[in-house]
PDB file of N, CA and C in Angstrom:
ATOM      1  N   UNK A   1      68.957  92.424 155.845  1.00  0.00           N
ATOM      2  CA  UNK A   1      68.376  91.590 156.873  1.00  0.00           C
ATOM      3  C   UNK A   1      69.462  90.678 157.442  1.00  0.00           C
ATOM      4  N   UNK A   2      69.619  90.655 158.743  1.00  0.00           N
ATOM      5  CA  UNK A   2      70.616  89.827 159.400  1.00  0.00           C
ATOM      6  C   UNK A   2      69.972  88.498 159.801  1.00  0.00           C
ATOM      7  N   UNK A   3      70.302  87.451 159.081  1.00  0.00           N
ATOM      8  CA  UNK A   3      69.709  86.140 159.323  1.00  0.00           C
ATOM      9  C   UNK A   3      70.679  85.266 160.113  1.00  0.00           C
ATOM     10  N   UNK A   4      70.192  84.678 161.211  1.00  0.00           N
ATOM     11  CA  UNK A   4      71.016  83.786 162.009  1.00  0.00           C
ATOM     12  C   UNK A   4      70.910  82.371 161.432  1.00  0.00           C
ATOM     13  N   UNK A   5      72.049  81.801 161.066  1.00  0.00           N
ATOM     14  CA  UNK A   5      72.079  80.438 160.537  1.00  0.00           C
ATOM     15  C   UNK A   5      72.544  79.484 161.623  1.00  0.00           C
ATOM     16  N   UNK A   6      72.051  78.253 161.555  1.00  0.00           N
ATOM     17  CA  UNK A   6      72.493  77.223 162.490  1.00  0.00           C
ATOM     18  C   UNK A   6      73.960  76.912 162.235  1.00  0.00           C
ATOM     19  N   UNK A   7      74.665  76.525 163.298  1.00  0.00           N
ATOM     20  CA  UNK A   7      76.031  76.036 163.175  1.00  0.00           C
ATOM     21  C   UNK A   7      75.991  74.558 163.487  1.00  0.00           C
ATOM     22  N   UNK A   8      76.468  73.747 162.542  1.00  0.00           N
ATOM     23  CA  UNK A   8      76.394  72.295 162.674  1.00  0.00           C
ATOM     24  C   UNK A   8      77.796  71.714 162.669  1.00  0.00           C
ATOM     25  N   UNK A   9      78.123  70.971 163.722  1.00  0.00           N
ATOM     26  CA  UNK A   9      79.407  70.291 163.838  1.00  0.00           C
ATOM     27  C   UNK A   9      79.178  68.796 163.622  1.00  0.00           C
ATOM     28  N   UNK A  10      79.937  68.197 162.708  1.00  0.00           N
ATOM     29  CA  UNK A  10      79.841  66.774 162.412  1.00  0.00           C
ATOM     30  C   UNK A  10      81.223  66.166 162.331  1.00  0.00           C
ATOM     31  N   UNK A  11      81.296  64.867 162.574  1.00  0.00           N
ATOM     32  CA  UNK A  11      82.513  64.115 162.276  1.00  0.00           C
ATOM     33  C   UNK A  11      82.122  63.121 161.201  1.00  0.00           C
ATOM     34  N   UNK A  12      82.823  63.150 160.078  1.00  0.00           N
ATOM     35  CA  UNK A  12      82.458  62.275 158.984  1.00  0.00           C
ATOM     36  C   UNK A  12      83.380  62.427 157.794  1.00  0.00           C
ATOM     37  N   UNK A  13      82.843  62.055 156.642  1.00  0.00           N
ATOM     38  CA  UNK A  13      83.601  62.062 155.400  1.00  0.00           C
ATOM     39  C   UNK A  13      82.773  62.690 154.294  1.00  0.00           C
ATOM     40  N   UNK A  14      83.370  63.573 153.516  1.00  0.00           N
ATOM     41  CA  UNK A  14      82.686  64.106 152.332  1.00  0.00           C
ATOM     42  C   UNK A  14      82.649  63.012 151.274  1.00  0.00           C
ATOM     43  N   UNK A  15      81.479  62.773 150.706  1.00  0.00           N
ATOM     44  CA  UNK A  15      81.343  61.720 149.712  1.00  0.00           C
ATOM     45  C   UNK A  15      81.606  62.203 148.301  1.00  0.00           C
ATOM     46  N   UNK A  16      81.540  63.509 148.094  1.00  0.00           N
ATOM     47  CA  UNK A  16      81.806  64.111 146.787  1.00  0.00           C
ATOM     48  C   UNK A  16      82.604  65.389 147.019  1.00  0.00           C
ATOM     49  N   UNK A  17      83.327  65.852 146.005  1.00  0.00           N
ATOM     50  CA  UNK A  17      84.049  67.118 146.163  1.00  0.00           C
ATOM     51  C   UNK A  17      83.083  68.252 146.508  1.00  0.00           C
ATOM     52  N   UNK A  18      83.507  69.135 147.382  1.00  0.00           N
ATOM     53  CA  UNK A  18      82.702  70.268 147.810  1.00  0.00           C
ATOM     54  C   UNK A  18      82.734  71.332 146.717  1.00  0.00           C
ATOM     55  N   UNK A  19      81.552  71.770 146.267  1.00  0.00           N
ATOM     56  CA  UNK A  19      81.453  72.729 145.172  1.00  0.00           C
ATOM     57  C   UNK A  19      80.404  73.783 145.493  1.00  0.00           C
ATOM     58  N   UNK A  20      80.761  75.047 145.326  1.00  0.00           N
ATOM     59  CA  UNK A  20      79.788  76.123 145.504  1.00  0.00           C
ATOM     60  C   UNK A  20      78.683  75.950 144.464  1.00  0.00           C
ATOM     61  N   UNK A  21      77.438  76.039 144.912  1.00  0.00           N
ATOM     62  CA  UNK A  21      76.293  75.898 144.026  1.00  0.00           C
ATOM     63  C   UNK A  21      75.686  74.506 144.031  1.00  0.00           C
ATOM     64  N   UNK A  22      76.374  73.533 144.648  1.00  0.00           N
ATOM     65  CA  UNK A  22      75.868  72.155 144.728  1.00  0.00           C
ATOM     66  C   UNK A  22      75.646  71.778 146.184  1.00  0.00           C
ATOM     67  N   UNK A  23      74.874  70.733 146.396  1.00  0.00           N
ATOM     68  CA  UNK A  23      74.689  70.193 147.744  1.00  0.00           C
ATOM     69  C   UNK A  23      75.941  69.440 148.160  1.00  0.00           C
ATOM     70  N   UNK A  24      76.168  69.354 149.468  1.00  0.00           N
ATOM     71  CA  UNK A  24      77.259  68.539 149.997  1.00  0.00           C
ATOM     72  C   UNK A  24      76.658  67.236 150.522  1.00  0.00           C
ATOM     73  N   UNK A  25      77.389  66.154 150.368  1.00  0.00           N
ATOM     74  CA  UNK A  25      76.977  64.849 150.884  1.00  0.00           C
ATOM     75  C   UNK A  25      78.036  64.404 151.879  1.00  0.00           C
ATOM     76  N   UNK A  26      77.594  64.158 153.125  1.00  0.00           N
ATOM     77  CA  UNK A  26      78.503  63.819 154.209  1.00  0.00           C
ATOM     78  C   UNK A  26      78.082  62.494 154.822  1.00  0.00           C
ATOM     79  N   UNK A  27      79.012  61.547 154.888  1.00  0.00           N
ATOM     80  CA  UNK A  27      78.768  60.299 155.591  1.00  0.00           C
ATOM     81  C   UNK A  27      79.058  60.563 157.062  1.00  0.00           C
ATOM     82  N   UNK A  28      78.035  60.340 157.908  1.00  0.00           N
ATOM     83  CA  UNK A  28      78.149  60.664 159.340  1.00  0.00           C
ATOM     84  C   UNK A  28      77.314  59.676 160.144  1.00  0.00           C
ATOM     85  N   UNK A  29      77.972  58.942 161.030  1.00  0.00           N
ATOM     86  CA  UNK A  29      77.252  58.029 161.914  1.00  0.00           C
ATOM     87  C   UNK A  29      76.466  56.951 161.200  1.00  0.00           C
ATOM     88  N   UNK A  30      76.995  56.461 160.088  1.00  0.00           N
ATOM     89  CA  UNK A  30      76.307  55.411 159.338  1.00  0.00           C
ATOM     90  C   UNK A  30      75.187  55.908 158.439  1.00  0.00           C
ATOM     91  N   UNK A  31      75.006  57.209 158.356  1.00  0.00           N
ATOM     92  CA  UNK A  31      73.981  57.782 157.495  1.00  0.00           C
ATOM     93  C   UNK A  31      74.615  58.811 156.564  1.00  0.00           C
ATOM     94  N   UNK A  32      73.879  59.188 155.523  1.00  0.00           N
ATOM     95  CA  UNK A  32      74.352  60.220 154.601  1.00  0.00           C
ATOM     96  C   UNK A  32      73.525  61.480 154.830  1.00  0.00           C
ATOM     97  N   UNK A  33      74.224  62.577 155.084  1.00  0.00           N
ATOM     98  CA  UNK A  33      73.590  63.879 155.273  1.00  0.00           C
ATOM     99  C   UNK A  33      73.719  64.642 153.966  1.00  0.00           C
ATOM    100  N   UNK A  34      72.591  65.127 153.440  1.00  0.00           N
ATOM    101  CA  UNK A  34      72.590  65.964 152.240  1.00  0.00           C
ATOM    102  C   UNK A  34      72.243  67.372 152.682  1.00  0.00           C
ATOM    103  N   UNK A  35      73.109  68.328 152.362  1.00  0.00           N
ATOM    104  CA  UNK A  35      72.889  69.713 152.772  1.00  0.00           C
ATOM    105  C   UNK A  35      72.128  70.472 151.690  1.00  0.00           C
ATOM    106  N   UNK A  36      71.723  71.680 152.022  1.00  0.00           N
ATOM    107  CA  UNK A  36      71.231  72.578 150.984  1.00  0.00           C
ATOM    108  C   UNK A  36      72.438  73.065 150.179  1.00  0.00           C
ATOM    109  N   UNK A  37      72.208  73.890 149.169  1.00  0.00           N
ATOM    110  CA  UNK A  37      73.306  74.330 148.300  1.00  0.00           C
ATOM    111  C   UNK A  37      74.394  75.075 149.053  1.00  0.00           C
ATOM    112  N   UNK A  38      75.629  74.771 148.719  1.00  0.00           N
ATOM    113  CA  UNK A  38      76.788  75.441 149.307  1.00  0.00           C
ATOM    114  C   UNK A  38      76.916  76.831 148.694  1.00  0.00           C
ATOM    115  N   UNK A  39      77.037  77.840 149.563  1.00  0.00           N
ATOM    116  CA  UNK A  39      77.190  79.211 149.066  1.00  0.00           C
ATOM    117  C   UNK A  39      78.611  79.734 149.266  1.00  0.00           C
ATOM    118  N   UNK A  40      79.374  79.125 150.194  1.00  0.00           N
ATOM    119  CA  UNK A  40      80.753  79.557 150.419  1.00  0.00           C
ATOM    120  C   UNK A  40      81.531  78.438 151.104  1.00  0.00           C
ATOM    121  N   UNK A  41      82.788  78.303 150.709  1.00  0.00           N
ATOM    122  CA  UNK A  41      83.698  77.361 151.354  1.00  0.00           C
ATOM    123  C   UNK A  41      84.638  78.203 152.211  1.00  0.00           C
ATOM    124  N   UNK A  42      84.648  77.944 153.505  1.00  0.00           N
ATOM    125  CA  UNK A  42      85.419  78.757 154.455  1.00  0.00           C
ATOM    126  C   UNK A  42      86.781  78.168 154.784  1.00  0.00           C
ATOM    127  N   UNK A  43      86.875  76.841 154.862  1.00  0.00           N
ATOM    128  CA  UNK A  43      88.127  76.192 155.268  1.00  0.00           C
ATOM    129  C   UNK A  43      88.194  74.791 154.684  1.00  0.00           C
ATOM    130  N   UNK A  44      89.365  74.446 154.162  1.00  0.00           N
ATOM    131  CA  UNK A  44      89.627  73.079 153.723  1.00  0.00           C
ATOM    132  C   UNK A  44      91.022  72.707 154.193  1.00  0.00           C
ATOM    133  N   UNK A  45      91.106  71.662 155.012  1.00  0.00           N
ATOM    134  CA  UNK A  45      92.393  71.151 155.452  1.00  0.00           C
ATOM    135  C   UNK A  45      92.292  69.635 155.532  1.00  0.00           C
ATOM    136  N   UNK A  46      93.368  68.983 155.897  1.00  0.00           N
ATOM    137  CA  UNK A  46      93.336  67.528 155.993  1.00  0.00           C
ATOM    138  C   UNK A  46      92.525  67.064 157.208  1.00  0.00           C
ATOM    139  N   UNK A  47      92.281  67.953 158.171  1.00  0.00           N
ATOM    140  CA  UNK A  47      91.526  67.584 159.361  1.00  0.00           C
ATOM    141  C   UNK A  47      90.076  68.065 159.361  1.00  0.00           C
ATOM    142  N   UNK A  48      89.787  69.142 158.630  1.00  0.00           N
ATOM    143  CA  UNK A  48      88.454  69.725 158.752  1.00  0.00           C
ATOM    144  C   UNK A  48      88.067  70.476 157.485  1.00  0.00           C
ATOM    145  N   UNK A  49      86.759  70.570 157.289  1.00  0.00           N
ATOM    146  CA  UNK A  49      86.193  71.356 156.197  1.00  0.00           C
ATOM    147  C   UNK A  49      85.109  72.244 156.792  1.00  0.00           C
ATOM    148  N   UNK A  50      85.159  73.516 156.467  1.00  0.00           N
ATOM    149  CA  UNK A  50      84.130  74.449 156.914  1.00  0.00           C
ATOM    150  C   UNK A  50      83.477  75.100 155.711  1.00  0.00           C
ATOM    151  N   UNK A  51      82.151  75.119 155.710  1.00  0.00           N
ATOM    152  CA  UNK A  51      81.446  75.735 154.582  1.00  0.00           C
ATOM    153  C   UNK A  51      80.087  76.244 155.039  1.00  0.00           C
ATOM    154  N   UNK A  52      79.508  77.099 154.203  1.00  0.00           N
ATOM    155  CA  UNK A  52      78.208  77.707 154.485  1.00  0.00           C
ATOM    156  C   UNK A  52      77.236  77.271 153.402  1.00  0.00           C
ATOM    157  N   UNK A  53      76.031  76.915 153.826  1.00  0.00           N
ATOM    158  CA  UNK A  53      74.972  76.581 152.872  1.00  0.00           C
ATOM    159  C   UNK A  53      73.905  77.671 152.945  1.00  0.00           C
ATOM    160  N   UNK A  54      72.842  77.500 152.197  1.00  0.00           N
ATOM    161  CA  UNK A  54      71.748  78.466 152.238  1.00  0.00           C
ATOM    162  C   UNK A  54      71.168  78.592 153.646  1.00  0.00           C
ATOM    163  N   UNK A  55      71.212  77.477 154.417  1.00  0.00           N
ATOM    164  CA  UNK A  55      70.543  77.450 155.717  1.00  0.00           C
ATOM    165  C   UNK A  55      71.464  77.387 156.928  1.00  0.00           C
ATOM    166  N   UNK A  56      72.712  76.925 156.759  1.00  0.00           N
ATOM    167  CA  UNK A  56      73.545  76.615 157.920  1.00  0.00           C
ATOM    168  C   UNK A  56      75.026  76.848 157.645  1.00  0.00           C
ATOM    169  N   UNK A  57      75.792  76.857 158.730  1.00  0.00           N
ATOM    170  CA  UNK A  57      77.254  76.824 158.677  1.00  0.00           C
ATOM    171  C   UNK A  57      77.665  75.433 159.140  1.00  0.00           C
ATOM    172  N   UNK A  58      78.528  74.762 158.383  1.00  0.00           N
ATOM    173  CA  UNK A  58      78.975  73.409 158.721  1.00  0.00           C
ATOM    174  C   UNK A  58      80.462  73.410 159.044  1.00  0.00           C
ATOM    175  N   UNK A  59      80.825  72.641 160.074  1.00  0.00           N
ATOM    176  CA  UNK A  59      82.211  72.341 160.380  1.00  0.00           C
ATOM    177  C   UNK A  59      82.293  70.822 160.459  1.00  0.00           C
ATOM    178  N   UNK A  60      82.972  70.221 159.502  1.00  0.00           N
ATOM    179  CA  UNK A  60      83.061  68.765 159.429  1.00  0.00           C
ATOM    180  C   UNK A  60      84.476  68.346 159.793  1.00  0.00           C
ATOM    181  N   UNK A  61      84.604  67.658 160.926  1.00  0.00           N
ATOM    182  CA  UNK A  61      85.876  67.054 161.308  1.00  0.00           C
ATOM    183  C   UNK A  61      86.000  65.777 160.489  1.00  0.00           C
ATOM    184  N   UNK A  62      87.015  65.718 159.655  1.00  0.00           N
ATOM    185  CA  UNK A  62      87.141  64.596 158.733  1.00  0.00           C
ATOM    186  C   UNK A  62      87.649  63.352 159.449  1.00  0.00           C
ATOM    187  N   UNK A  63      86.919  62.262 159.267  1.00  0.00           N
ATOM    188  CA  UNK A  63      87.331  60.980 159.822  1.00  0.00           C
ATOM    189  C   UNK A  63      88.481  60.438 159.001  1.00  0.00           C
ATOM    190  N   UNK A  64      89.434  59.767 159.651  1.00  0.00           N
ATOM    191  CA  UNK A  64      90.502  59.166 158.858  1.00  0.00           C
ATOM    192  C   UNK A  64      89.940  58.077 157.957  1.00  0.00           C
ATOM    193  N   UNK A  65      90.438  58.039 156.745  1.00  0.00           N
ATOM    194  CA  UNK A  65      90.009  57.033 155.778  1.00  0.00           C
ATOM    195  C   UNK A  65      90.995  55.882 155.815  1.00  0.00           C
ATOM    196  N   UNK A  66      90.531  54.636 156.004  1.00  0.00           N
ATOM    197  CA  UNK A  66      91.471  53.513 156.009  1.00  0.00           C
ATOM    198  C   UNK A  66      92.184  53.379 154.671  1.00  0.00           C
ATOM    199  N   UNK A  67      93.443  52.978 154.721  1.00  0.00           N
ATOM    200  CA  UNK A  67      94.239  52.826 153.505  1.00  0.00           C
ATOM    201  C   UNK A  67      93.574  51.855 152.534  1.00  0.00           C
ATOM    202  N   UNK A  68      92.904  50.830 153.036  1.00  0.00           N
ATOM    203  CA  UNK A  68      92.258  49.851 152.154  1.00  0.00           C
ATOM    204  C   UNK A  68      91.112  50.472 151.358  1.00  0.00           C
ATOM    205  N   UNK A  69      90.481  51.544 151.879  1.00  0.00           N
ATOM    206  CA  UNK A  69      89.415  52.215 151.140  1.00  0.00           C
ATOM    207  C   UNK A  69      89.979  53.073 150.021  1.00  0.00           C
ATOM    208  N   UNK A  70      91.165  53.623 150.238  1.00  0.00           N
ATOM    209  CA  UNK A  70      91.788  54.479 149.236  1.00  0.00           C
ATOM    210  C   UNK A  70      92.489  53.642 148.171  1.00  0.00           C
ATOM    211  N   UNK A  71      93.136  52.564 148.610  1.00  0.00           N
ATOM    212  CA  UNK A  71      93.908  51.714 147.702  1.00  0.00           C
ATOM    213  C   UNK A  71      93.517  50.252 147.923  1.00  0.00           C
ATOM    214  N   UNK A  72      92.393  49.802 147.326  1.00  0.00           N
ATOM    215  CA  UNK A  72      91.943  48.428 147.543  1.00  0.00           C
ATOM    216  C   UNK A  72      92.985  47.380 147.165  1.00  0.00           C
ATOM    217  N   UNK A  73      93.809  47.651 146.163  1.00  0.00           N
ATOM    218  CA  UNK A  73      94.828  46.689 145.752  1.00  0.00           C
ATOM    219  C   UNK A  73      95.851  46.471 146.864  1.00  0.00           C
ATOM    220  N   UNK A  74      96.081  47.497 147.679  1.00  0.00           N
ATOM    221  CA  UNK A  74      97.036  47.397 148.782  1.00  0.00           C
ATOM    222  C   UNK A  74      96.566  46.348 149.795  1.00  0.00           C
ATOM    223  N   UNK A  75      95.262  46.359 150.089  1.00  0.00           N
ATOM    224  CA  UNK A  75      94.757  45.404 151.076  1.00  0.00           C
ATOM    225  C   UNK A  75      94.827  43.971 150.538  1.00  0.00           C
ATOM    226  N   UNK A  76      94.663  43.777 149.238  1.00  0.00           N
ATOM    227  CA  UNK A  76      94.782  42.430 148.658  1.00  0.00           C
ATOM    228  C   UNK A  76      96.223  41.946 148.739  1.00  0.00           C
ATOM    229  N   UNK A  77      97.184  42.851 148.496  1.00  0.00           N
ATOM    230  CA  UNK A  77      98.607  42.472 148.567  1.00  0.00           C
ATOM    231  C   UNK A  77      98.987  42.131 150.005  1.00  0.00           C
ATOM    232  N   UNK A  78      98.449  42.883 150.967  1.00  0.00           N
ATOM    233  CA  UNK A  78      98.804  42.650 152.359  1.00  0.00           C
ATOM    234  C   UNK A  78      98.258  41.314 152.846  1.00  0.00           C
ATOM    235  N   UNK A  79      97.133  40.864 152.267  1.00  0.00           N
ATOM    236  CA  UNK A  79      96.533  39.599 152.680  1.00  0.00           C
ATOM    237  C   UNK A  79      97.235  38.404 152.069  1.00  0.00           C
ATOM    238  N   UNK A  80      97.948  38.607 150.967  1.00  0.00           N
ATOM    239  CA  UNK A  80      98.595  37.495 150.263  1.00  0.00           C
ATOM    240  C   UNK A  80      99.842  37.023 150.953  1.00  0.00           C
TER     241      UNK A  80
END
């Protein structure tokens, strides 16, 4: 059976590592999107992640993460 899946384009951030068999959590537009289970990971790069779930194909353009979110101690040193 040939099933047509939705293609969803988002700009956001993955909140947890992407894993086949688990749901993906994406921060997008001030909200958290929870997908159905991931069945395949198609692309992972520093700019984008592409994956397929039970219901859809996702292309997530990764938002840049501020340095202060990655290294909170850095922002404290810069303020001192």
